[in-house]
Structures are given as structure tokens and as C-alpha cells.
């Protein structure tokens, strides 16, 4: 069955990719919550539908999340392979911006700008946004990238043909080619742990509680509380991906 599916997908690769490539550019900025709390295609309510919250005001840039992610998910130790990473943003007094993320922030961050020149500095954890309208799902010619019933974007490595279309389509830089499997790899929100009732590894190790996740269907849950009590934004709302990763304290400089 899998062989037949892969063979058919290879034959239609160019045809499908040409059609789907046009979906990458969105036409409406809209409300960042549109398509998430009020989805056009409402997901199955008998299952949780996960959203993620990150409080930038609480992040200390320790890199514990990135280290835990690599250890839990067998992410290659070499630099440039990350499911989760931390960026340091420094706005200088002259208005210029410096963004650094040495080794994904795994070893912590060292400020390279003299203190006298700093206007503001902060840390921004990055990961897959698990979009409700994920461009990576749309462009995959073989259906290897898909959304679980819980709203988690996953990759079926049995079907992935390594075309890299999804890597190019992701506007958040959240995917990479695994050097050993030659298939795409990314954050799965530790789906294997979620199915066992466990928290994703990066959430468990955060020392300040800067990271939360929860069921967006649950009106009394932690995600609804987070969204109500904070001025939350998503990255690149103009792309209309219906990102389910919400940031509190997100500055306009962050992309």
C-alpha cells in the first residue's frame, strides 16, 4: 500500500507542486486569532486541539528548552539542526538591531554588544508554529506532512521523499533535512509524549514557566487564560497561516 502511494505520488510530483506553490503567499493579515479560536474548518472537539504560548517577558535565554529537545528527540548535535532554539534580540541606542543565536542558544547566550550601546534586549524561543493553515502541509506532494487530529503538524518519514518543498515553504525556518535519514525533521510538540499524557520535553524543563501549551477548545484551560490575560501576537500574521504559537511581549522587530 505504501509503495503504491509513493509511486503514484512521484508521478504527480511536478503537477501537484506547481498547483500548490501558489498557496504560499497569503492575501490577508487579519486578526492573529482568526482561524485558530474561530477556525473555518472546526476540528474534532472530542480531541484536544493544541495551542502554544510563550511569554517573552519570562524567557531568560538559558537554552534548557533547546537542550531538552535535542536529547529527547535524537536531534543531531551538530549546529544548525534544531527543532527548538532561542534567539537573542538586541536593539541598540542608534536604532539598529542585532540578532544572535549561537548554536541555537543551547549553551546559553553571551551579550556581544557593549552595555552602554544597548537600548533593549530580550530572548525569543522559536519552534514549529503548528499552523492551522500550514504551508508545509499544502505543498507536500506526497502527503508526508500532515496535521494530526489534535492540530499537531507531523512528518511521516515513511512517505517523505526529501524534496525539501516543505522546508522552503515554512516561513518560520522550523524544518531541516536530517543528515542520517535524508528526510525532513521538525518539532512534533513531542507527540509521542502527548499520547502518553506527558508534557513536551521543552515545557518540562523551562525554569521560569515561559512556555505553556493546552487545548484551545477548553474555555477554562491554560491557553484561553493566557490569551485573555496577555496581549498576544503571532509571527508573520500577514501570511495567514493561522499560527497556533502565541507570544506575549512580542516586539515588532521579531520576524
C-alpha atoms as a PDB file:
ATOM      1  CA  UNK A   1       0.000   0.000   0.000  1.00  0.00           C
ATOM      2  CA  UNK A   2       2.775   2.407   0.974  1.00  0.00           C
ATOM      3  CA  UNK A   3       4.754   1.524  -2.170  1.00  0.00           C
ATOM      4  CA  UNK A   4       1.745   2.212  -4.402  1.00  0.00           C
ATOM      5  CA  UNK A   5       1.136   5.542  -2.707  1.00  0.00           C
ATOM      6  CA  UNK A   6       4.751   6.621  -3.069  1.00  0.00           C
ATOM      7  CA  UNK A   7       4.927   5.592  -6.718  1.00  0.00           C
ATOM      8  CA  UNK A   8       1.769   7.465  -7.599  1.00  0.00           C
ATOM      9  CA  UNK A   9       2.996  10.499  -5.707  1.00  0.00           C
ATOM     10  CA  UNK A  10       6.277  10.574  -7.605  1.00  0.00           C
ATOM     11  CA  UNK A  11       4.430  10.571 -10.922  1.00  0.00           C
ATOM     12  CA  UNK A  12       2.288  13.518  -9.907  1.00  0.00           C
ATOM     13  CA  UNK A  13       5.078  15.391  -8.135  1.00  0.00           C
ATOM     14  CA  UNK A  14       5.556  18.255 -10.600  1.00  0.00           C
ATOM     15  CA  UNK A  15       1.870  18.615 -11.375  1.00  0.00           C
ATOM     16  CA  UNK A  16       0.822  18.904  -7.734  1.00  0.00           C
ATOM     17  CA  UNK A  17       3.728  21.071  -6.644  1.00  0.00           C
ATOM     18  CA  UNK A  18       3.017  23.609  -9.374  1.00  0.00           C
ATOM     19  CA  UNK A  19      -0.596  23.901  -8.293  1.00  0.00           C
ATOM     20  CA  UNK A  20       0.166  24.109  -4.598  1.00  0.00           C
ATOM     21  CA  UNK A  21       3.021  26.571  -4.838  1.00  0.00           C
ATOM     22  CA  UNK A  22       0.506  29.366  -5.325  1.00  0.00           C
ATOM     23  CA  UNK A  23      -0.822  28.911  -1.822  1.00  0.00           C
ATOM     24  CA  UNK A  24       2.356  30.182  -0.181  1.00  0.00           C
ATOM     25  CA  UNK A  25       1.507  33.880  -0.407  1.00  0.00           C
ATOM     26  CA  UNK A  26      -1.461  34.926   1.716  1.00  0.00           C
ATOM     27  CA  UNK A  27      -3.632  37.904   0.923  1.00  0.00           C
ATOM     28  CA  UNK A  28      -4.900  38.969   4.333  1.00  0.00           C
ATOM     29  CA  UNK A  29      -3.211  39.941   7.573  1.00  0.00           C
ATOM     30  CA  UNK A  30      -6.339  39.843   9.725  1.00  0.00           C
ATOM     31  CA  UNK A  31      -6.589  39.053  13.394  1.00  0.00           C
ATOM     32  CA  UNK A  32      -3.863  36.618  14.544  1.00  0.00           C
ATOM     33  CA  UNK A  33      -6.544  34.649  16.401  1.00  0.00           C
ATOM     34  CA  UNK A  34      -8.736  34.252  13.318  1.00  0.00           C
ATOM     35  CA  UNK A  35      -8.613  30.696  12.047  1.00  0.00           C
ATOM     36  CA  UNK A  36      -7.444  29.440  15.433  1.00  0.00           C
ATOM     37  CA  UNK A  37     -10.072  30.212  18.034  1.00  0.00           C
ATOM     38  CA  UNK A  38     -12.661  30.551  15.290  1.00  0.00           C
ATOM     39  CA  UNK A  39     -11.481  28.129  12.632  1.00  0.00           C
ATOM     40  CA  UNK A  40     -13.386  27.884   9.369  1.00  0.00           C
ATOM     41  CA  UNK A  41     -12.968  24.120   9.471  1.00  0.00           C
ATOM     42  CA  UNK A  42     -13.594  23.422  13.138  1.00  0.00           C
ATOM     43  CA  UNK A  43     -11.542  20.399  14.251  1.00  0.00           C
ATOM     44  CA  UNK A  44     -12.989  17.428  16.050  1.00  0.00           C
ATOM     45  CA  UNK A  45     -13.943  18.611  19.538  1.00  0.00           C
ATOM     46  CA  UNK A  46     -13.735  15.187  21.112  1.00  0.00           C
ATOM     47  CA  UNK A  47      -9.952  15.573  20.989  1.00  0.00           C
ATOM     48  CA  UNK A  48      -7.778  18.399  22.322  1.00  0.00           C
ATOM     49  CA  UNK A  49      -6.641  20.965  19.769  1.00  0.00           C
ATOM     50  CA  UNK A  50      -3.295  22.192  20.951  1.00  0.00           C
ATOM     51  CA  UNK A  51      -2.046  25.748  21.043  1.00  0.00           C
ATOM     52  CA  UNK A  52       1.244  27.055  22.429  1.00  0.00           C
ATOM     53  CA  UNK A  53       2.020  30.144  24.473  1.00  0.00           C
ATOM     54  CA  UNK A  54       5.434  31.692  25.030  1.00  0.00           C
ATOM     55  CA  UNK A  55       5.937  34.598  27.430  1.00  0.00           C
ATOM     56  CA  UNK A  56       8.964  36.524  26.177  1.00  0.00           C
ATOM     57  CA  UNK A  57       8.941  38.581  29.366  1.00  0.00           C
ATOM     58  CA  UNK A  58       9.766  35.415  31.320  1.00  0.00           C
ATOM     59  CA  UNK A  59      12.365  33.881  28.995  1.00  0.00           C
ATOM     60  CA  UNK A  60      15.925  34.170  30.373  1.00  0.00           C
ATOM     61  CA  UNK A  61      17.660  32.632  27.360  1.00  0.00           C
ATOM     62  CA  UNK A  62      19.084  29.687  29.308  1.00  0.00           C
ATOM     63  CA  UNK A  63      18.685  27.266  26.400  1.00  0.00           C
ATOM     64  CA  UNK A  64      17.253  24.477  28.562  1.00  0.00           C
ATOM     65  CA  UNK A  65      14.398  24.007  26.095  1.00  0.00           C
ATOM     66  CA  UNK A  66      16.733  23.537  23.133  1.00  0.00           C
ATOM     67  CA  UNK A  67      18.952  21.104  25.044  1.00  0.00           C
ATOM     68  CA  UNK A  68      15.994  19.038  26.227  1.00  0.00           C
ATOM     69  CA  UNK A  69      14.578  18.925  22.700  1.00  0.00           C
ATOM     70  CA  UNK A  70      17.797  17.558  21.220  1.00  0.00           C
ATOM     71  CA  UNK A  71      18.134  14.932  23.936  1.00  0.00           C
ATOM     72  CA  UNK A  72      14.501  13.790  23.785  1.00  0.00           C
ATOM     73  CA  UNK A  73      14.173  13.648  20.015  1.00  0.00           C
ATOM     74  CA  UNK A  74      17.633  12.490  18.915  1.00  0.00           C
ATOM     75  CA  UNK A  75      18.266  15.706  17.025  1.00  0.00           C
ATOM     76  CA  UNK A  76      21.824  15.772  15.591  1.00  0.00           C
ATOM     77  CA  UNK A  77      24.218  17.525  17.964  1.00  0.00           C
ATOM     78  CA  UNK A  78      25.877  19.487  15.180  1.00  0.00           C
ATOM     79  CA  UNK A  79      24.934  23.177  14.875  1.00  0.00           C
ATOM     80  CA  UNK A  80      22.133  24.182  12.502  1.00  0.00           C
ATOM     81  CA  UNK A  81      19.966  21.150  13.328  1.00  0.00           C
ATOM     82  CA  UNK A  82      17.207  22.280  15.687  1.00  0.00           C
ATOM     83  CA  UNK A  83      13.581  21.566  16.432  1.00  0.00           C
ATOM     84  CA  UNK A  84      13.637  24.289  19.076  1.00  0.00           C
ATOM     85  CA  UNK A  85      16.074  27.173  19.527  1.00  0.00           C
ATOM     86  CA  UNK A  86      16.422  30.566  21.238  1.00  0.00           C
ATOM     87  CA  UNK A  87      17.322  33.886  19.610  1.00  0.00           C
ATOM     88  CA  UNK A  88      18.696  36.941  21.385  1.00  0.00           C
ATOM     89  CA  UNK A  89      17.468  40.303  20.094  1.00  0.00           C
ATOM     90  CA  UNK A  90      19.425  43.439  20.930  1.00  0.00           C
ATOM     91  CA  UNK A  91      18.139  46.859  19.922  1.00  0.00           C
ATOM     92  CA  UNK A  92      20.919  49.425  20.065  1.00  0.00           C
ATOM     93  CA  UNK A  93      20.631  53.066  21.024  1.00  0.00           C
ATOM     94  CA  UNK A  94      21.143  54.055  17.378  1.00  0.00           C
ATOM     95  CA  UNK A  95      18.077  52.014  16.417  1.00  0.00           C
ATOM     96  CA  UNK A  96      19.949  49.161  14.755  1.00  0.00           C
ATOM     97  CA  UNK A  97      19.123  45.555  15.543  1.00  0.00           C
ATOM     98  CA  UNK A  98      21.388  42.580  16.228  1.00  0.00           C
ATOM     99  CA  UNK A  99      20.010  39.029  16.330  1.00  0.00           C
ATOM    100  CA  UNK A 100      22.179  36.192  17.637  1.00  0.00           C
ATOM    101  CA  UNK A 101      21.603  32.517  18.286  1.00  0.00           C
ATOM    102  CA  UNK A 102      24.973  30.763  18.694  1.00  0.00           C
ATOM    103  CA  UNK A 103      24.396  27.019  18.431  1.00  0.00           C
ATOM    104  CA  UNK A 104      20.672  27.653  18.758  1.00  0.00           C
ATOM    105  CA  UNK A 105      21.166  29.057  22.245  1.00  0.00           C
ATOM    106  CA  UNK A 106      21.884  25.587  23.642  1.00  0.00           C
ATOM    107  CA  UNK A 107      24.950  26.845  25.507  1.00  0.00           C
ATOM    108  CA  UNK A 108      23.227  29.973  26.742  1.00  0.00           C
ATOM    109  CA  UNK A 109      23.721  33.475  25.393  1.00  0.00           C
ATOM    110  CA  UNK A 110      26.619  35.904  25.735  1.00  0.00           C
ATOM    111  CA  UNK A 111      25.884  39.539  25.038  1.00  0.00           C
ATOM    112  CA  UNK A 112      28.312  40.836  22.409  1.00  0.00           C
ATOM    113  CA  UNK A 113      27.044  44.437  22.382  1.00  0.00           C
ATOM    114  CA  UNK A 114      28.559  46.817  24.962  1.00  0.00           C
ATOM    115  CA  UNK A 115      26.060  47.627  27.687  1.00  0.00           C
ATOM    116  CA  UNK A 116      26.354  51.351  27.034  1.00  0.00           C
ATOM    117  CA  UNK A 117      25.096  50.792  23.471  1.00  0.00           C
ATOM    118  CA  UNK A 118      22.036  48.700  24.408  1.00  0.00           C
ATOM    119  CA  UNK A 119      18.564  50.222  24.346  1.00  0.00           C
ATOM    120  CA  UNK A 120      16.716  46.944  24.876  1.00  0.00           C
ATOM    121  CA  UNK A 121      17.482  43.236  24.754  1.00  0.00           C
ATOM    122  CA  UNK A 122      15.322  40.130  25.089  1.00  0.00           C
ATOM    123  CA  UNK A 123      15.127  36.441  24.156  1.00  0.00           C
ATOM    124  CA  UNK A 124      12.704  34.782  21.748  1.00  0.00           C
ATOM    125  CA  UNK A 125      12.278  30.988  21.743  1.00  0.00           C
ATOM    126  CA  UNK A 126      11.431  29.612  18.300  1.00  0.00           C
ATOM    127  CA  UNK A 127       9.867  26.322  17.189  1.00  0.00           C
ATOM    128  CA  UNK A 128       7.264  24.979  14.787  1.00  0.00           C
ATOM    129  CA  UNK A 129       4.136  27.143  14.906  1.00  0.00           C
ATOM    130  CA  UNK A 130       1.846  24.148  14.204  1.00  0.00           C
ATOM    131  CA  UNK A 131      -0.232  26.295  11.884  1.00  0.00           C
ATOM    132  CA  UNK A 132      -3.879  25.523  11.228  1.00  0.00           C
ATOM    133  CA  UNK A 133      -3.300  26.558   7.598  1.00  0.00           C
ATOM    134  CA  UNK A 134       0.212  25.170   7.364  1.00  0.00           C
ATOM    135  CA  UNK A 135       2.026  25.980   4.085  1.00  0.00           C
ATOM    136  CA  UNK A 136       4.216  22.904   4.581  1.00  0.00           C
ATOM    137  CA  UNK A 137       1.155  20.648   4.533  1.00  0.00           C
ATOM    138  CA  UNK A 138      -0.163  22.359   1.427  1.00  0.00           C
ATOM    139  CA  UNK A 139       2.989  21.970  -0.666  1.00  0.00           C
ATOM    140  CA  UNK A 140       3.972  18.396   0.256  1.00  0.00           C
ATOM    141  CA  UNK A 141       3.470  16.440  -2.983  1.00  0.00           C
ATOM    142  CA  UNK A 142       3.190  13.037  -1.298  1.00  0.00           C
ATOM    143  CA  UNK A 143       1.198  13.805   1.841  1.00  0.00           C
ATOM    144  CA  UNK A 144       4.139  13.087   4.127  1.00  0.00           C
ATOM    145  CA  UNK A 145       3.492  16.291   6.077  1.00  0.00           C
ATOM    146  CA  UNK A 146       0.080  16.291   7.701  1.00  0.00           C
ATOM    147  CA  UNK A 147      -1.907  17.574  10.669  1.00  0.00           C
ATOM    148  CA  UNK A 148      -2.934  15.220  13.459  1.00  0.00           C
ATOM    149  CA  UNK A 149      -6.491  15.314  14.879  1.00  0.00           C
ATOM    150  CA  UNK A 150      -5.041  17.329  17.773  1.00  0.00           C
ATOM    151  CA  UNK A 151      -3.694  20.039  15.471  1.00  0.00           C
ATOM    152  CA  UNK A 152      -0.050  18.937  15.630  1.00  0.00           C
ATOM    153  CA  UNK A 153       1.831  19.147  12.328  1.00  0.00           C
ATOM    154  CA  UNK A 154       3.803  15.944  11.788  1.00  0.00           C
ATOM    155  CA  UNK A 155       6.026  14.283   9.165  1.00  0.00           C
ATOM    156  CA  UNK A 156       5.585  10.662   8.115  1.00  0.00           C
ATOM    157  CA  UNK A 157       9.159   9.645   7.324  1.00  0.00           C
ATOM    158  CA  UNK A 158       7.891   6.507   5.583  1.00  0.00           C
ATOM    159  CA  UNK A 159       6.485   8.720   2.825  1.00  0.00           C
ATOM    160  CA  UNK A 160       8.907  11.679   2.845  1.00  0.00           C
ATOM    161  CA  UNK A 161      10.914  11.744  -0.396  1.00  0.00           C
ATOM    162  CA  UNK A 162      13.264  14.523   0.690  1.00  0.00           C
ATOM    163  CA  UNK A 163      12.162  17.061  -1.922  1.00  0.00           C
ATOM    164  CA  UNK A 164      12.614  19.953   0.556  1.00  0.00           C
ATOM    165  CA  UNK A 165       9.464  21.731  -0.661  1.00  0.00           C
ATOM    166  CA  UNK A 166       8.149  21.987   2.897  1.00  0.00           C
ATOM    167  CA  UNK A 167      11.451  23.414   4.137  1.00  0.00           C
ATOM    168  CA  UNK A 168      11.201  26.186   1.565  1.00  0.00           C
ATOM    169  CA  UNK A 169       7.518  26.749   2.302  1.00  0.00           C
ATOM    170  CA  UNK A 170       7.857  27.123   6.078  1.00  0.00           C
ATOM    171  CA  UNK A 171       8.031  30.863   6.835  1.00  0.00           C
ATOM    172  CA  UNK A 172       9.403  30.214  10.327  1.00  0.00           C
ATOM    173  CA  UNK A 173      12.534  28.229   9.450  1.00  0.00           C
ATOM    174  CA  UNK A 174      11.330  25.343  11.602  1.00  0.00           C
ATOM    175  CA  UNK A 175      12.364  22.409   9.359  1.00  0.00           C
ATOM    176  CA  UNK A 176      15.615  20.771   8.346  1.00  0.00           C
ATOM    177  CA  UNK A 177      16.873  17.714   6.481  1.00  0.00           C
ATOM    178  CA  UNK A 178      18.048  15.042   8.886  1.00  0.00           C
ATOM    179  CA  UNK A 179      21.593  14.110   7.784  1.00  0.00           C
ATOM    180  CA  UNK A 180      21.143  10.422   8.655  1.00  0.00           C
ATOM    181  CA  UNK A 181      17.631   9.671   7.394  1.00  0.00           C
ATOM    182  CA  UNK A 182      17.613  12.161   4.484  1.00  0.00           C
ATOM    183  CA  UNK A 183      14.040  13.022   5.418  1.00  0.00           C
ATOM    184  CA  UNK A 184      12.580  16.201   6.834  1.00  0.00           C
ATOM    185  CA  UNK A 185      12.590  16.665  10.597  1.00  0.00           C
ATOM    186  CA  UNK A 186      10.858  19.226  12.810  1.00  0.00           C
ATOM    187  CA  UNK A 187       9.203  19.874  16.165  1.00  0.00           C
ATOM    188  CA  UNK A 188       6.352  17.447  16.835  1.00  0.00           C
ATOM    189  CA  UNK A 189       5.366  19.016  20.160  1.00  0.00           C
ATOM    190  CA  UNK A 190       6.777  15.721  21.471  1.00  0.00           C
ATOM    191  CA  UNK A 191       3.707  13.974  20.092  1.00  0.00           C
ATOM    192  CA  UNK A 192       4.984  10.640  21.397  1.00  0.00           C
ATOM    193  CA  UNK A 193       4.891  12.103  24.910  1.00  0.00           C
ATOM    194  CA  UNK A 194       1.496  13.775  24.461  1.00  0.00           C
ATOM    195  CA  UNK A 195      -0.047  10.418  23.545  1.00  0.00           C
ATOM    196  CA  UNK A 196       1.222   9.067  26.887  1.00  0.00           C
ATOM    197  CA  UNK A 197      -0.175  12.001  28.874  1.00  0.00           C
ATOM    198  CA  UNK A 198       3.248  13.603  29.316  1.00  0.00           C
ATOM    199  CA  UNK A 199       4.328  17.159  28.632  1.00  0.00           C
ATOM    200  CA  UNK A 200       6.655  18.019  25.747  1.00  0.00           C
ATOM    201  CA  UNK A 201      10.252  17.911  26.960  1.00  0.00           C
ATOM    202  CA  UNK A 202      10.961  21.625  26.429  1.00  0.00           C
ATOM    203  CA  UNK A 203       7.975  22.640  28.556  1.00  0.00           C
ATOM    204  CA  UNK A 204       9.005  20.402  31.444  1.00  0.00           C
ATOM    205  CA  UNK A 205      12.481  21.918  31.761  1.00  0.00           C
ATOM    206  CA  UNK A 206      11.707  25.640  31.414  1.00  0.00           C
ATOM    207  CA  UNK A 207      12.784  27.116  34.782  1.00  0.00           C
ATOM    208  CA  UNK A 208      10.609  30.238  34.555  1.00  0.00           C
ATOM    209  CA  UNK A 209       7.385  28.829  33.118  1.00  0.00           C
ATOM    210  CA  UNK A 210       7.815  30.884  29.960  1.00  0.00           C
ATOM    211  CA  UNK A 211       6.321  28.093  27.844  1.00  0.00           C
ATOM    212  CA  UNK A 212       2.802  26.674  28.110  1.00  0.00           C
ATOM    213  CA  UNK A 213       0.548  24.626  25.880  1.00  0.00           C
ATOM    214  CA  UNK A 214      -3.039  23.494  26.113  1.00  0.00           C
ATOM    215  CA  UNK A 215      -6.347  22.715  24.475  1.00  0.00           C
ATOM    216  CA  UNK A 216      -7.753  25.693  22.565  1.00  0.00           C
ATOM    217  CA  UNK A 217     -11.205  24.092  22.849  1.00  0.00           C
ATOM    218  CA  UNK A 218     -11.095  24.323  26.639  1.00  0.00           C
ATOM    219  CA  UNK A 219     -12.635  27.653  27.608  1.00  0.00           C
ATOM    220  CA  UNK A 220     -11.316  27.183  31.147  1.00  0.00           C
ATOM    221  CA  UNK A 221      -7.891  25.929  30.108  1.00  0.00           C
ATOM    222  CA  UNK A 222      -4.448  27.466  30.397  1.00  0.00           C
ATOM    223  CA  UNK A 223      -4.316  28.640  26.785  1.00  0.00           C
ATOM    224  CA  UNK A 224      -7.551  30.610  26.991  1.00  0.00           C
ATOM    225  CA  UNK A 225      -6.345  32.120  30.257  1.00  0.00           C
ATOM    226  CA  UNK A 226      -3.019  33.026  28.658  1.00  0.00           C
ATOM    227  CA  UNK A 227      -4.703  34.655  25.658  1.00  0.00           C
ATOM    228  CA  UNK A 228      -7.155  36.574  27.837  1.00  0.00           C
ATOM    229  CA  UNK A 229      -4.591  37.918  30.277  1.00  0.00           C
ATOM    230  CA  UNK A 230      -1.872  38.894  27.809  1.00  0.00           C
ATOM    231  CA  UNK A 231      -1.523  40.982  24.682  1.00  0.00           C
ATOM    232  CA  UNK A 232      -0.596  38.082  22.425  1.00  0.00           C
ATOM    233  CA  UNK A 233       0.653  38.109  18.846  1.00  0.00           C
ATOM    234  CA  UNK A 234       1.798  35.535  16.305  1.00  0.00           C
ATOM    235  CA  UNK A 235       4.797  35.718  13.995  1.00  0.00           C
ATOM    236  CA  UNK A 236       4.165  36.974  10.454  1.00  0.00           C
ATOM    237  CA  UNK A 237       0.363  37.302  10.735  1.00  0.00           C
ATOM    238  CA  UNK A 238       0.195  38.694   7.187  1.00  0.00           C
ATOM    239  CA  UNK A 239       0.912  35.213   5.836  1.00  0.00           C
ATOM    240  CA  UNK A 240      -2.448  33.969   7.155  1.00  0.00           C
ATOM    241  CA  UNK A 241      -1.057  30.628   8.356  1.00  0.00           C
ATOM    242  CA  UNK A 242      -3.313  30.664  11.440  1.00  0.00           C
ATOM    243  CA  UNK A 243      -0.322  30.006  13.649  1.00  0.00           C
ATOM    244  CA  UNK A 244      -1.146  28.340  16.964  1.00  0.00           C
ATOM    245  CA  UNK A 245       2.028  29.659  18.639  1.00  0.00           C
ATOM    246  CA  UNK A 246       1.175  32.824  20.577  1.00  0.00           C
ATOM    247  CA  UNK A 247       3.751  35.196  22.060  1.00  0.00           C
ATOM    248  CA  UNK A 248       3.286  37.617  24.926  1.00  0.00           C
ATOM    249  CA  UNK A 249       5.588  40.622  24.749  1.00  0.00           C
ATOM    250  CA  UNK A 250       6.415  40.182  21.073  1.00  0.00           C
ATOM    251  CA  UNK A 251       8.249  43.243  19.720  1.00  0.00           C
ATOM    252  CA  UNK A 252       7.771  44.466  16.171  1.00  0.00           C
ATOM    253  CA  UNK A 253      11.447  43.733  15.456  1.00  0.00           C
ATOM    254  CA  UNK A 254      10.919  39.976  15.745  1.00  0.00           C
ATOM    255  CA  UNK A 255      10.397  38.119  12.473  1.00  0.00           C
END
